[in-house]
Structure formats: C-alpha cells, structure tokens
N, C-alpha and C. Protein backbone atom coordinates (compact mmCIF):
# COMPACT_ATOMS: atom_id res chain seq x y z
N MET A 1 0.82 -1.19 0.00
CA MET A 1 0.00 0.00 0.00
C MET A 1 0.87 1.25 0.00
N ARG A 2 2.00 1.17 0.64
CA ARG A 2 2.88 2.33 0.69
C ARG A 2 3.28 2.76 -0.72
N LEU A 3 3.59 1.81 -1.57
CA LEU A 3 3.95 2.15 -2.95
C LEU A 3 2.77 2.75 -3.70
N MET A 4 1.59 2.23 -3.47
CA MET A 4 0.42 2.73 -4.19
C MET A 4 0.05 4.15 -3.75
N ARG A 5 0.51 4.55 -2.58
CA ARG A 5 0.25 5.91 -2.09
C ARG A 5 1.39 6.87 -2.41
N SER A 6 2.39 6.40 -3.11
CA SER A 6 3.55 7.22 -3.47
C SER A 6 3.13 8.36 -4.41
N HIS A 7 3.94 9.41 -4.44
CA HIS A 7 3.70 10.52 -5.37
C HIS A 7 4.25 10.19 -6.77
N SER A 8 5.03 9.13 -6.86
CA SER A 8 5.61 8.72 -8.14
C SER A 8 4.66 7.77 -8.87
N PRO A 9 4.21 8.14 -10.07
CA PRO A 9 3.32 7.24 -10.82
C PRO A 9 3.92 5.85 -11.04
N GLN A 10 5.23 5.78 -11.27
CA GLN A 10 5.85 4.47 -11.49
C GLN A 10 5.79 3.62 -10.23
N ARG A 11 6.04 4.23 -9.08
CA ARG A 11 5.96 3.48 -7.81
C ARG A 11 4.52 3.05 -7.53
N GLN A 12 3.56 3.88 -7.89
CA GLN A 12 2.15 3.51 -7.72
C GLN A 12 1.84 2.27 -8.56
N GLU A 13 2.27 2.29 -9.81
CA GLU A 13 2.06 1.13 -10.70
C GLU A 13 2.76 -0.11 -10.15
N ASP A 14 3.99 0.07 -9.67
CA ASP A 14 4.73 -1.05 -9.09
C ASP A 14 3.98 -1.65 -7.91
N GLY A 15 3.42 -0.79 -7.06
CA GLY A 15 2.67 -1.27 -5.91
C GLY A 15 1.44 -2.06 -6.33
N PHE A 16 0.72 -1.54 -7.31
CA PHE A 16 -0.46 -2.24 -7.81
C PHE A 16 -0.09 -3.62 -8.34
N HIS A 17 0.95 -3.67 -9.19
CA HIS A 17 1.32 -4.94 -9.81
C HIS A 17 1.96 -5.91 -8.82
N THR A 18 2.50 -5.39 -7.73
CA THR A 18 3.01 -6.26 -6.67
C THR A 18 1.85 -6.93 -5.94
N LEU A 19 0.80 -6.17 -5.69
CA LEU A 19 -0.36 -6.71 -4.98
C LEU A 19 -1.25 -7.60 -5.85
N LEU A 20 -1.27 -7.36 -7.13
CA LEU A 20 -2.21 -8.05 -8.02
C LEU A 20 -2.21 -9.58 -7.86
N PRO A 21 -1.06 -10.25 -7.92
CA PRO A 21 -1.11 -11.72 -7.81
C PRO A 21 -1.41 -12.21 -6.39
N ALA A 22 -1.31 -11.32 -5.40
CA ALA A 22 -1.53 -11.70 -4.01
C ALA A 22 -2.77 -11.04 -3.42
N ALA A 23 -3.66 -10.56 -4.27
CA ALA A 23 -4.83 -9.80 -3.78
C ALA A 23 -5.66 -10.61 -2.79
N SER A 24 -5.84 -11.88 -3.04
CA SER A 24 -6.68 -12.68 -2.14
C SER A 24 -6.05 -12.81 -0.76
N GLU A 25 -4.73 -12.79 -0.69
CA GLU A 25 -4.04 -12.89 0.59
C GLU A 25 -4.15 -11.60 1.40
N HIS A 26 -4.44 -10.50 0.75
CA HIS A 26 -4.50 -9.19 1.41
C HIS A 26 -5.89 -8.58 1.35
N LEU A 27 -6.90 -9.41 1.13
CA LEU A 27 -8.24 -8.90 0.91
C LEU A 27 -8.77 -8.06 2.07
N ASP A 28 -8.56 -8.50 3.30
CA ASP A 28 -9.06 -7.74 4.44
C ASP A 28 -8.48 -6.33 4.45
N GLU A 29 -7.18 -6.23 4.22
CA GLU A 29 -6.52 -4.92 4.17
C GLU A 29 -7.05 -4.09 3.00
N LEU A 30 -7.24 -4.71 1.85
CA LEU A 30 -7.75 -3.99 0.68
C LEU A 30 -9.15 -3.45 0.95
N LEU A 31 -9.98 -4.25 1.59
CA LEU A 31 -11.34 -3.80 1.92
C LEU A 31 -11.31 -2.62 2.89
N GLU A 32 -10.44 -2.71 3.89
CA GLU A 32 -10.31 -1.60 4.85
C GLU A 32 -9.82 -0.34 4.16
N GLU A 33 -8.82 -0.48 3.31
CA GLU A 33 -8.26 0.68 2.61
C GLU A 33 -9.31 1.31 1.69
N PHE A 34 -10.09 0.48 1.01
CA PHE A 34 -11.11 1.01 0.12
C PHE A 34 -12.14 1.81 0.90
N GLN A 35 -12.59 1.27 2.02
CA GLN A 35 -13.60 1.96 2.83
C GLN A 35 -13.06 3.26 3.41
N ALA A 36 -11.77 3.30 3.74
CA ALA A 36 -11.18 4.48 4.37
C ALA A 36 -10.80 5.57 3.36
N GLU A 37 -10.48 5.18 2.13
CA GLU A 37 -9.99 6.14 1.13
C GLU A 37 -11.13 6.99 0.58
N ARG A 38 -10.97 8.29 0.64
CA ARG A 38 -11.98 9.20 0.11
C ARG A 38 -11.40 10.24 -0.84
N ASP A 39 -10.09 10.46 -0.77
CA ASP A 39 -9.49 11.57 -1.51
C ASP A 39 -8.89 11.20 -2.86
N ASP A 40 -8.38 9.99 -2.99
CA ASP A 40 -7.65 9.60 -4.20
C ASP A 40 -8.53 8.66 -5.05
N HIS A 41 -9.17 9.24 -6.05
CA HIS A 41 -10.09 8.48 -6.91
C HIS A 41 -9.39 7.33 -7.62
N GLY A 42 -8.20 7.59 -8.15
CA GLY A 42 -7.46 6.54 -8.85
C GLY A 42 -7.12 5.38 -7.95
N LEU A 43 -6.74 5.68 -6.72
CA LEU A 43 -6.42 4.63 -5.76
C LEU A 43 -7.67 3.82 -5.44
N ARG A 44 -8.80 4.47 -5.30
CA ARG A 44 -10.05 3.74 -5.04
C ARG A 44 -10.37 2.79 -6.20
N CYS A 45 -10.14 3.23 -7.42
CA CYS A 45 -10.37 2.36 -8.58
C CYS A 45 -9.44 1.16 -8.55
N TRP A 46 -8.18 1.40 -8.27
CA TRP A 46 -7.22 0.30 -8.19
C TRP A 46 -7.59 -0.68 -7.07
N LEU A 47 -7.97 -0.14 -5.92
CA LEU A 47 -8.36 -1.01 -4.80
C LEU A 47 -9.56 -1.86 -5.18
N LEU A 48 -10.51 -1.27 -5.84
CA LEU A 48 -11.69 -2.02 -6.26
C LEU A 48 -11.31 -3.11 -7.26
N GLU A 49 -10.40 -2.79 -8.16
CA GLU A 49 -9.93 -3.81 -9.11
C GLU A 49 -9.25 -4.96 -8.37
N LEU A 50 -8.42 -4.64 -7.38
CA LEU A 50 -7.75 -5.68 -6.60
C LEU A 50 -8.75 -6.51 -5.81
N ILE A 51 -9.77 -5.88 -5.26
CA ILE A 51 -10.80 -6.61 -4.53
C ILE A 51 -11.50 -7.60 -5.47
N GLY A 52 -11.78 -7.17 -6.68
CA GLY A 52 -12.38 -8.07 -7.67
C GLY A 52 -11.45 -9.20 -8.06
N GLU A 53 -10.17 -8.88 -8.21
CA GLU A 53 -9.19 -9.91 -8.58
C GLU A 53 -9.02 -10.95 -7.50
N ALA A 54 -9.34 -10.61 -6.26
CA ALA A 54 -9.22 -11.58 -5.16
C ALA A 54 -10.23 -12.72 -5.33
N ARG A 55 -11.29 -12.47 -6.07
CA ARG A 55 -12.31 -13.48 -6.36
C ARG A 55 -12.79 -14.21 -5.10
N SER A 56 -13.18 -13.42 -4.12
CA SER A 56 -13.65 -13.96 -2.86
C SER A 56 -15.05 -13.44 -2.56
N ASN A 57 -15.87 -14.30 -1.98
CA ASN A 57 -17.21 -13.87 -1.57
C ASN A 57 -17.14 -12.74 -0.56
N LYS A 58 -16.05 -12.66 0.16
CA LYS A 58 -15.89 -11.61 1.17
C LYS A 58 -15.89 -10.22 0.53
N GLY A 59 -15.44 -10.10 -0.70
CA GLY A 59 -15.41 -8.82 -1.39
C GLY A 59 -16.71 -8.46 -2.09
N LEU A 60 -17.63 -9.42 -2.21
CA LEU A 60 -18.87 -9.18 -2.96
C LEU A 60 -19.71 -8.01 -2.46
N PRO A 61 -19.90 -7.83 -1.15
CA PRO A 61 -20.72 -6.69 -0.72
C PRO A 61 -20.20 -5.34 -1.21
N VAL A 62 -18.90 -5.16 -1.21
CA VAL A 62 -18.31 -3.90 -1.69
C VAL A 62 -18.53 -3.78 -3.19
N LEU A 63 -18.30 -4.84 -3.92
CA LEU A 63 -18.47 -4.81 -5.37
C LEU A 63 -19.93 -4.53 -5.75
N VAL A 64 -20.85 -5.21 -5.08
CA VAL A 64 -22.28 -5.01 -5.36
C VAL A 64 -22.67 -3.57 -5.03
N ASP A 65 -22.17 -3.06 -3.90
CA ASP A 65 -22.48 -1.69 -3.51
C ASP A 65 -22.01 -0.70 -4.57
N GLN A 66 -20.84 -0.93 -5.14
CA GLN A 66 -20.28 -0.01 -6.13
C GLN A 66 -20.99 -0.10 -7.48
N LEU A 67 -21.71 -1.18 -7.71
CA LEU A 67 -22.51 -1.26 -8.95
C LEU A 67 -23.58 -0.17 -8.98
N GLY A 68 -23.96 0.32 -7.81
CA GLY A 68 -24.94 1.40 -7.72
C GLY A 68 -24.32 2.76 -7.49
N SER A 69 -23.02 2.84 -7.60
CA SER A 69 -22.32 4.11 -7.35
C SER A 69 -22.63 5.12 -8.45
N PRO A 70 -22.72 6.40 -8.08
CA PRO A 70 -22.87 7.43 -9.11
C PRO A 70 -21.58 7.64 -9.92
N ASP A 71 -20.48 7.08 -9.44
CA ASP A 71 -19.18 7.20 -10.10
C ASP A 71 -19.05 6.12 -11.17
N GLU A 72 -19.03 6.53 -12.42
CA GLU A 72 -18.99 5.58 -13.54
C GLU A 72 -17.76 4.69 -13.51
N ALA A 73 -16.61 5.23 -13.13
CA ALA A 73 -15.38 4.44 -13.09
C ALA A 73 -15.49 3.33 -12.04
N LEU A 74 -16.00 3.66 -10.87
CA LEU A 74 -16.15 2.64 -9.83
C LEU A 74 -17.17 1.58 -10.25
N ARG A 75 -18.24 1.99 -10.88
CA ARG A 75 -19.22 1.01 -11.39
C ARG A 75 -18.55 0.08 -12.39
N GLY A 76 -17.71 0.62 -13.23
CA GLY A 76 -17.02 -0.18 -14.24
C GLY A 76 -16.10 -1.23 -13.63
N TRP A 77 -15.37 -0.85 -12.59
CA TRP A 77 -14.47 -1.81 -11.95
C TRP A 77 -15.24 -2.84 -11.15
N ALA A 78 -16.41 -2.45 -10.63
CA ALA A 78 -17.23 -3.40 -9.86
C ALA A 78 -17.81 -4.45 -10.81
C-alpha cells in the first residue's frame, strides 16, 4: 500500500502490480483501505480492481455496492 500511495506514478504502478497476484491474501486490508480512502479516486479504482481480482465472496458486498455508485469508473471496476 505504501507504494500505491507514493507521489511517483511508477511506484504507484509497481505497488499495484506487486499486490495483483496476491490480492486474495491481502483482501481484508484492501477492503479496509477502500472503505477508508476518500481523496484519491485513482487509488479507489485500483483497490476495487484488486478486490475483484481476489475473487472472494468476502469482497462481494463492496463490489455489489459499487454497482450502484454514481461514479462511472467505480461502477465499471465493480
């Protein structure tokens, strides 16, 4: 998460791609981060993508909730 919150776009990408194959192992943290994040729209989109990639029933409530979001990007990732 530290890399994904970096000011460097490359470090942000590196953080995302580091978490991608291990999303299911970090799902609880990803869910917490998604619920807490309000300021960084891009980070919220990435977190939602990672939650989906975890392919766990535990992430379904967040994904279903975002299907009704007024934010088109979040709906798309859900």
